[in-house]
Amino acid sequence: ANKFFNLTAIEQDIIKHHMWPLTPIPPH
């Protein structure tokens, strides 16, 4: 997504943390 789009901090948080709790860091 970062290659093709200028992402907001919220968009980055959504993409990075949507697999919580399988991934350890929860959304912000």
PDB file of all heavy atoms in Angstrom:
ATOM      1  N   ALA A   1       0.833  -1.208   0.000  1.00  0.00           N
ATOM      2  CA  ALA A   1       0.000   0.000   0.000  1.00  0.00           C
ATOM      3  C   ALA A   1       0.867   1.257   0.000  1.00  0.00           C
ATOM      4  O   ALA A   1       0.552   2.232  -0.698  1.00  0.00           O
ATOM      5  CB  ALA A   1      -0.941  -0.015   1.198  1.00  0.00           C
ATOM      6  N   ASN A   2       1.952   1.225   0.750  1.00  0.00           N
ATOM      7  CA  ASN A   2       2.851   2.387   0.786  1.00  0.00           C
ATOM      8  C   ASN A   2       3.515   2.644  -0.562  1.00  0.00           C
ATOM      9  O   ASN A   2       3.895   3.776  -0.858  1.00  0.00           O
ATOM     10  CB  ASN A   2       3.914   2.222   1.871  1.00  0.00           C
ATOM     11  CG  ASN A   2       3.424   2.648   3.228  1.00  0.00           C
ATOM     12  OD1 ASN A   2       2.683   3.617   3.360  1.00  0.00           O
ATOM     13  ND2 ASN A   2       3.822   1.919   4.253  1.00  0.00           N
ATOM     14  N   LYS A   3       3.680   1.610  -1.385  1.00  0.00           N
ATOM     15  CA  LYS A   3       4.269   1.792  -2.714  1.00  0.00           C
ATOM     16  C   LYS A   3       3.343   2.567  -3.647  1.00  0.00           C
ATOM     17  O   LYS A   3       3.807   3.296  -4.521  1.00  0.00           O
ATOM     18  CB  LYS A   3       4.554   0.431  -3.365  1.00  0.00           C
ATOM     19  CG  LYS A   3       5.736  -0.308  -2.799  1.00  0.00           C
ATOM     20  CD  LYS A   3       5.882  -1.645  -3.503  1.00  0.00           C
ATOM     21  CE  LYS A   3       6.797  -2.557  -2.720  1.00  0.00           C
ATOM     22  NZ  LYS A   3       6.793  -3.934  -3.260  1.00  0.00           N
ATOM     23  N   PHE A   4       2.046   2.381  -3.493  1.00  0.00           N
ATOM     24  CA  PHE A   4       1.087   2.945  -4.440  1.00  0.00           C
ATOM     25  C   PHE A   4       0.260   4.111  -3.901  1.00  0.00           C
ATOM     26  O   PHE A   4      -0.356   4.831  -4.680  1.00  0.00           O
ATOM     27  CB  PHE A   4       0.125   1.846  -4.921  1.00  0.00           C
ATOM     28  CG  PHE A   4       0.819   0.732  -5.635  1.00  0.00           C
ATOM     29  CD1 PHE A   4       1.021  -0.486  -5.007  1.00  0.00           C
ATOM     30  CD2 PHE A   4       1.293   0.897  -6.926  1.00  0.00           C
ATOM     31  CE1 PHE A   4       1.678  -1.527  -5.658  1.00  0.00           C
ATOM     32  CE2 PHE A   4       1.947  -0.124  -7.583  1.00  0.00           C
ATOM     33  CZ  PHE A   4       2.135  -1.339  -6.959  1.00  0.00           C
ATOM     34  N   PHE A   5       0.221   4.275  -2.590  1.00  0.00           N
ATOM     35  CA  PHE A   5      -0.659   5.276  -1.989  1.00  0.00           C
ATOM     36  C   PHE A   5       0.074   6.072  -0.920  1.00  0.00           C
ATOM     37  O   PHE A   5       0.979   5.565  -0.268  1.00  0.00           O
ATOM     38  CB  PHE A   5      -1.882   4.600  -1.344  1.00  0.00           C
ATOM     39  CG  PHE A   5      -2.644   3.726  -2.297  1.00  0.00           C
ATOM     40  CD1 PHE A   5      -2.439   2.353  -2.305  1.00  0.00           C
ATOM     41  CD2 PHE A   5      -3.550   4.274  -3.190  1.00  0.00           C
ATOM     42  CE1 PHE A   5      -3.129   1.538  -3.194  1.00  0.00           C
ATOM     43  CE2 PHE A   5      -4.238   3.468  -4.078  1.00  0.00           C
ATOM     44  CZ  PHE A   5      -4.026   2.100  -4.078  1.00  0.00           C
ATOM     45  N   ASN A   6      -0.367   7.305  -0.731  1.00  0.00           N
ATOM     46  CA  ASN A   6       0.120   8.134   0.361  1.00  0.00           C
ATOM     47  C   ASN A   6      -0.848   7.904   1.521  1.00  0.00           C
ATOM     48  O   ASN A   6      -1.929   8.484   1.546  1.00  0.00           O
ATOM     49  CB  ASN A   6       0.158   9.601  -0.086  1.00  0.00           C
ATOM     50  CG  ASN A   6       0.763  10.501   0.946  1.00  0.00           C
ATOM     51  OD1 ASN A   6       1.428  10.042   1.878  1.00  0.00           O
ATOM     52  ND2 ASN A   6       0.543  11.785   0.794  1.00  0.00           N
ATOM     53  N   LEU A   7      -0.482   7.033   2.447  1.00  0.00           N
ATOM     54  CA  LEU A   7      -1.388   6.594   3.508  1.00  0.00           C
ATOM     55  C   LEU A   7      -1.387   7.541   4.699  1.00  0.00           C
ATOM     56  O   LEU A   7      -0.347   8.068   5.087  1.00  0.00           O
ATOM     57  CB  LEU A   7      -0.985   5.204   4.002  1.00  0.00           C
ATOM     58  CG  LEU A   7      -0.970   4.079   2.975  1.00  0.00           C
ATOM     59  CD1 LEU A   7      -0.427   2.804   3.603  1.00  0.00           C
ATOM     60  CD2 LEU A   7      -2.356   3.840   2.399  1.00  0.00           C
ATOM     61  N   THR A   8      -2.555   7.697   5.301  1.00  0.00           N
ATOM     62  CA  THR A   8      -2.645   8.431   6.561  1.00  0.00           C
ATOM     63  C   THR A   8      -2.166   7.508   7.692  1.00  0.00           C
ATOM     64  O   THR A   8      -2.060   6.286   7.514  1.00  0.00           O
ATOM     65  CB  THR A   8      -4.094   8.859   6.854  1.00  0.00           C
ATOM     66  OG1 THR A   8      -4.890   7.690   7.101  1.00  0.00           O
ATOM     67  CG2 THR A   8      -4.679   9.686   5.716  1.00  0.00           C
ATOM     68  N   ALA A   9      -1.931   8.084   8.855  1.00  0.00           N
ATOM     69  CA  ALA A   9      -1.542   7.281  10.021  1.00  0.00           C
ATOM     70  C   ALA A   9      -2.644   6.288  10.378  1.00  0.00           C
ATOM     71  O   ALA A   9      -2.364   5.146  10.772  1.00  0.00           O
ATOM     72  CB  ALA A   9      -1.222   8.194  11.202  1.00  0.00           C
ATOM     73  N   ILE A  10      -3.892   6.691  10.237  1.00  0.00           N
ATOM     74  CA  ILE A  10      -5.015   5.797  10.544  1.00  0.00           C
ATOM     75  C   ILE A  10      -5.035   4.618   9.570  1.00  0.00           C
ATOM     76  O   ILE A  10      -5.220   3.468   9.969  1.00  0.00           O
ATOM     77  CB  ILE A  10      -6.354   6.569  10.517  1.00  0.00           C
ATOM     78  CG1 ILE A  10      -6.412   7.553  11.689  1.00  0.00           C
ATOM     79  CG2 ILE A  10      -7.549   5.611  10.556  1.00  0.00           C
ATOM     80  CD1 ILE A  10      -7.576   8.529  11.627  1.00  0.00           C
ATOM     81  N   GLU A  11      -4.860   4.884   8.283  1.00  0.00           N
ATOM     82  CA  GLU A  11      -4.828   3.812   7.285  1.00  0.00           C
ATOM     83  C   GLU A  11      -3.695   2.833   7.573  1.00  0.00           C
ATOM     84  O   GLU A  11      -3.876   1.610   7.487  1.00  0.00           O
ATOM     85  CB  GLU A  11      -4.695   4.402   5.877  1.00  0.00           C
ATOM     86  CG  GLU A  11      -5.915   5.181   5.450  1.00  0.00           C
ATOM     87  CD  GLU A  11      -5.705   6.110   4.273  1.00  0.00           C
ATOM     88  OE1 GLU A  11      -4.553   6.282   3.816  1.00  0.00           O
ATOM     89  OE2 GLU A  11      -6.713   6.675   3.812  1.00  0.00           O
ATOM     90  N   GLN A  12      -2.543   3.357   7.941  1.00  0.00           N
ATOM     91  CA  GLN A  12      -1.415   2.489   8.284  1.00  0.00           C
ATOM     92  C   GLN A  12      -1.745   1.629   9.500  1.00  0.00           C
ATOM     93  O   GLN A  12      -1.433   0.435   9.529  1.00  0.00           O
ATOM     94  CB  GLN A  12      -0.157   3.319   8.543  1.00  0.00           C
ATOM     95  CG  GLN A  12       0.385   3.964   7.287  1.00  0.00           C
ATOM     96  CD  GLN A  12       1.609   4.799   7.552  1.00  0.00           C
ATOM     97  OE1 GLN A  12       2.463   4.434   8.341  1.00  0.00           O
ATOM     98  NE2 GLN A  12       1.702   5.940   6.877  1.00  0.00           N
ATOM     99  N   ASP A  13      -2.370   2.215  10.497  1.00  0.00           N
ATOM    100  CA  ASP A  13      -2.756   1.473  11.700  1.00  0.00           C
ATOM    101  C   ASP A  13      -3.749   0.367  11.357  1.00  0.00           C
ATOM    102  O   ASP A  13      -3.622  -0.763  11.843  1.00  0.00           O
ATOM    103  CB  ASP A  13      -3.359   2.438  12.731  1.00  0.00           C
ATOM    104  CG  ASP A  13      -3.648   1.786  14.067  1.00  0.00           C
ATOM    105  OD1 ASP A  13      -2.832   0.960  14.533  1.00  0.00           O
ATOM    106  OD2 ASP A  13      -4.685   2.117  14.667  1.00  0.00           O
ATOM    107  N   ILE A  14      -4.719   0.658  10.516  1.00  0.00           N
ATOM    108  CA  ILE A  14      -5.705  -0.345  10.107  1.00  0.00           C
ATOM    109  C   ILE A  14      -5.011  -1.529   9.453  1.00  0.00           C
ATOM    110  O   ILE A  14      -5.251  -2.688   9.808  1.00  0.00           O
ATOM    111  CB  ILE A  14      -6.747   0.270   9.142  1.00  0.00           C
ATOM    112  CG1 ILE A  14      -7.662   1.236   9.891  1.00  0.00           C
ATOM    113  CG2 ILE A  14      -7.551  -0.821   8.436  1.00  0.00           C
ATOM    114  CD1 ILE A  14      -8.537   2.103   8.975  1.00  0.00           C
ATOM    115  N   ILE A  15      -4.158  -1.251   8.481  1.00  0.00           N
ATOM    116  CA  ILE A  15      -3.502  -2.319   7.723  1.00  0.00           C
ATOM    117  C   ILE A  15      -2.557  -3.114   8.622  1.00  0.00           C
ATOM    118  O   ILE A  15      -2.579  -4.349   8.628  1.00  0.00           O
ATOM    119  CB  ILE A  15      -2.745  -1.737   6.511  1.00  0.00           C
ATOM    120  CG1 ILE A  15      -3.732  -1.056   5.553  1.00  0.00           C
ATOM    121  CG2 ILE A  15      -1.946  -2.828   5.798  1.00  0.00           C
ATOM    122  CD1 ILE A  15      -3.080  -0.172   4.493  1.00  0.00           C
ATOM    123  N   LYS A  16      -1.751  -2.434   9.378  1.00  0.00           N
ATOM    124  CA  LYS A  16      -0.710  -3.087  10.189  1.00  0.00           C
ATOM    125  C   LYS A  16      -1.279  -3.928  11.330  1.00  0.00           C
ATOM    126  O   LYS A  16      -0.727  -4.970  11.679  1.00  0.00           O
ATOM    127  CB  LYS A  16       0.237  -2.022  10.747  1.00  0.00           C
ATOM    128  CG  LYS A  16       1.390  -2.555  11.561  1.00  0.00           C
ATOM    129  CD  LYS A  16       2.397  -3.266  10.702  1.00  0.00           C
ATOM    130  CE  LYS A  16       3.585  -3.707  11.547  1.00  0.00           C
ATOM    131  NZ  LYS A  16       4.415  -4.648  10.831  1.00  0.00           N
ATOM    132  N   HIS A  17      -2.394  -3.504  11.919  1.00  0.00           N
ATOM    133  CA  HIS A  17      -2.870  -4.154  13.147  1.00  0.00           C
ATOM    134  C   HIS A  17      -4.192  -4.906  13.017  1.00  0.00           C
ATOM    135  O   HIS A  17      -4.768  -5.308  14.026  1.00  0.00           O
ATOM    136  CB  HIS A  17      -2.963  -3.117  14.270  1.00  0.00           C
ATOM    137  CG  HIS A  17      -1.640  -2.490  14.576  1.00  0.00           C
ATOM    138  ND1 HIS A  17      -1.385  -1.162  14.363  1.00  0.00           N
ATOM    139  CD2 HIS A  17      -0.488  -3.032  15.018  1.00  0.00           C
ATOM    140  CE1 HIS A  17      -0.131  -0.905  14.697  1.00  0.00           C
ATOM    141  NE2 HIS A  17       0.441  -2.025  15.087  1.00  0.00           N
ATOM    142  N   HIS A  18      -4.664  -5.135  11.786  1.00  0.00           N
ATOM    143  CA  HIS A  18      -5.977  -5.780  11.642  1.00  0.00           C
ATOM    144  C   HIS A  18      -5.985  -7.243  12.070  1.00  0.00           C
ATOM    145  O   HIS A  18      -7.048  -7.802  12.295  1.00  0.00           O
ATOM    146  CB  HIS A  18      -6.510  -5.638  10.204  1.00  0.00           C
ATOM    147  CG  HIS A  18      -5.880  -6.552   9.209  1.00  0.00           C
ATOM    148  ND1 HIS A  18      -4.712  -6.230   8.554  1.00  0.00           N
ATOM    149  CD2 HIS A  18      -6.257  -7.774   8.770  1.00  0.00           C
ATOM    150  CE1 HIS A  18      -4.399  -7.221   7.745  1.00  0.00           C
ATOM    151  NE2 HIS A  18      -5.310  -8.172   7.853  1.00  0.00           N
ATOM    152  N   MET A  19      -4.835  -7.863  12.216  1.00  0.00           N
ATOM    153  CA  MET A  19      -4.793  -9.281  12.609  1.00  0.00           C
ATOM    154  C   MET A  19      -4.650  -9.487  14.119  1.00  0.00           C
ATOM    155  O   MET A  19      -4.528 -10.620  14.580  1.00  0.00           O
ATOM    156  CB  MET A  19      -3.659 -10.003  11.877  1.00  0.00           C
ATOM    157  CG  MET A  19      -3.954 -10.274  10.421  1.00  0.00           C
ATOM    158  SD  MET A  19      -5.435 -11.255  10.147  1.00  0.00           S
ATOM    159  CE  MET A  19      -4.911 -12.845  10.766  1.00  0.00           C
ATOM    160  N   TRP A  20      -4.704  -8.419  14.895  1.00  0.00           N
ATOM    161  CA  TRP A  20      -4.650  -8.558  16.340  1.00  0.00           C
ATOM    162  C   TRP A  20      -5.863  -9.377  16.797  1.00  0.00           C
ATOM    163  O   TRP A  20      -6.938  -9.226  16.241  1.00  0.00           O
ATOM    164  CB  TRP A  20      -4.655  -7.156  16.977  1.00  0.00           C
ATOM    165  CG  TRP A  20      -4.612  -7.206  18.456  1.00  0.00           C
ATOM    166  CD1 TRP A  20      -3.529  -7.440  19.245  1.00  0.00           C
ATOM    167  CD2 TRP A  20      -5.723  -7.026  19.342  1.00  0.00           C
ATOM    168  NE1 TRP A  20      -3.895  -7.411  20.551  1.00  0.00           N
ATOM    169  CE2 TRP A  20      -5.237  -7.173  20.651  1.00  0.00           C
ATOM    170  CE3 TRP A  20      -7.070  -6.769  19.157  1.00  0.00           C
ATOM    171  CZ2 TRP A  20      -6.058  -7.058  21.763  1.00  0.00           C
ATOM    172  CZ3 TRP A  20      -7.885  -6.653  20.251  1.00  0.00           C
ATOM    173  CH2 TRP A  20      -7.379  -6.796  21.538  1.00  0.00           C
ATOM    174  N   PRO A  21      -5.738 -10.299  17.705  1.00  0.00           N
ATOM    175  CA  PRO A  21      -4.606 -10.615  18.580  1.00  0.00           C
ATOM    176  C   PRO A  21      -3.640 -11.671  18.040  1.00  0.00           C
ATOM    177  O   PRO A  21      -2.716 -12.064  18.737  1.00  0.00           O
ATOM    178  CB  PRO A  21      -5.292 -11.114  19.847  1.00  0.00           C
ATOM    179  CG  PRO A  21      -6.519 -11.795  19.359  1.00  0.00           C
ATOM    180  CD  PRO A  21      -6.958 -10.997  18.141  1.00  0.00           C
ATOM    181  N   LEU A  22      -3.838 -12.132  16.783  1.00  0.00           N
ATOM    182  CA  LEU A  22      -2.870 -13.074  16.221  1.00  0.00           C
ATOM    183  C   LEU A  22      -1.493 -12.419  16.148  1.00  0.00           C
ATOM    184  O   LEU A  22      -0.489 -13.049  16.445  1.00  0.00           O
ATOM    185  CB  LEU A  22      -3.320 -13.537  14.830  1.00  0.00           C
ATOM    186  CG  LEU A  22      -2.487 -14.631  14.170  1.00  0.00           C
ATOM    187  CD1 LEU A  22      -2.465 -15.899  15.018  1.00  0.00           C
ATOM    188  CD2 LEU A  22      -3.023 -14.940  12.774  1.00  0.00           C
ATOM    189  N   THR A  23      -1.454 -11.172  15.749  1.00  0.00           N
ATOM    190  CA  THR A  23      -0.219 -10.394  15.832  1.00  0.00           C
ATOM    191  C   THR A  23      -0.271  -9.645  17.171  1.00  0.00           C
ATOM    192  O   THR A  23      -1.347  -9.255  17.622  1.00  0.00           O
ATOM    193  CB  THR A  23      -0.090  -9.428  14.642  1.00  0.00           C
ATOM    194  OG1 THR A  23      -1.247  -8.613  14.570  1.00  0.00           O
ATOM    195  CG2 THR A  23       0.084 -10.193  13.327  1.00  0.00           C
ATOM    196  N   PRO A  24       0.871  -9.458  17.822  1.00  0.00           N
ATOM    197  CA  PRO A  24       0.855  -9.034  19.226  1.00  0.00           C
ATOM    198  C   PRO A  24       0.502  -7.580  19.526  1.00  0.00           C
ATOM    199  O   PRO A  24       0.048  -7.282  20.616  1.00  0.00           O
ATOM    200  CB  PRO A  24       2.283  -9.326  19.703  1.00  0.00           C
ATOM    201  CG  PRO A  24       3.106  -9.282  18.465  1.00  0.00           C
ATOM    202  CD  PRO A  24       2.216  -9.775  17.357  1.00  0.00           C
ATOM    203  N   ILE A  25       0.657  -6.686  18.574  1.00  0.00           N
ATOM    204  CA  ILE A  25       0.433  -5.275  18.874  1.00  0.00           C
ATOM    205  C   ILE A  25      -0.994  -4.894  18.480  1.00  0.00           C
ATOM    206  O   ILE A  25      -1.382  -5.038  17.324  1.00  0.00           O
ATOM    207  CB  ILE A  25       1.459  -4.382  18.151  1.00  0.00           C
ATOM    208  CG1 ILE A  25       2.872  -4.767  18.607  1.00  0.00           C
ATOM    209  CG2 ILE A  25       1.176  -2.903  18.416  1.00  0.00           C
ATOM    210  CD1 ILE A  25       3.976  -4.100  17.839  1.00  0.00           C
ATOM    211  N   PRO A  26      -1.782  -4.404  19.446  1.00  0.00           N
ATOM    212  CA  PRO A  26      -3.173  -4.050  19.143  1.00  0.00           C
ATOM    213  C   PRO A  26      -3.264  -2.755  18.329  1.00  0.00           C
ATOM    214  O   PRO A  26      -2.309  -1.977  18.278  1.00  0.00           O
ATOM    215  CB  PRO A  26      -3.801  -3.865  20.523  1.00  0.00           C
ATOM    216  CG  PRO A  26      -2.675  -3.497  21.407  1.00  0.00           C
ATOM    217  CD  PRO A  26      -1.455  -4.189  20.862  1.00  0.00           C
ATOM    218  N   PRO A  27      -4.414  -2.524  17.726  1.00  0.00           N
ATOM    219  CA  PRO A  27      -4.637  -1.262  17.017  1.00  0.00           C
ATOM    220  C   PRO A  27      -4.515  -0.068  17.967  1.00  0.00           C
ATOM    221  O   PRO A  27      -4.676  -0.199  19.180  1.00  0.00           O
ATOM    222  CB  PRO A  27      -6.079  -1.397  16.507  1.00  0.00           C
ATOM    223  CG  PRO A  27      -6.349  -2.860  16.480  1.00  0.00           C
ATOM    224  CD  PRO A  27      -5.570  -3.428  17.616  1.00  0.00           C
ATOM    225  N   HIS A  28      -4.273   1.103  17.370  1.00  0.00           N
ATOM    226  CA  HIS A  28      -4.141   2.334  18.146  1.00  0.00           C
ATOM    227  C   HIS A  28      -5.318   3.283  17.948  1.00  0.00           C
ATOM    228  O   HIS A  28      -5.465   4.235  18.698  1.00  0.00           O
ATOM    229  CB  HIS A  28      -2.849   3.068  17.766  1.00  0.00           C
ATOM    230  CG  HIS A  28      -1.618   2.237  17.932  1.00  0.00           C
ATOM    231  ND1 HIS A  28      -1.208   1.698  19.129  1.00  0.00           N
ATOM    232  CD2 HIS A  28      -0.701   1.828  17.022  1.00  0.00           C
ATOM    233  CE1 HIS A  28      -0.100   1.011  18.960  1.00  0.00           C
ATOM    234  NE2 HIS A  28       0.228   1.069  17.688  1.00  0.00           N
TER     235      HIS A  28
END
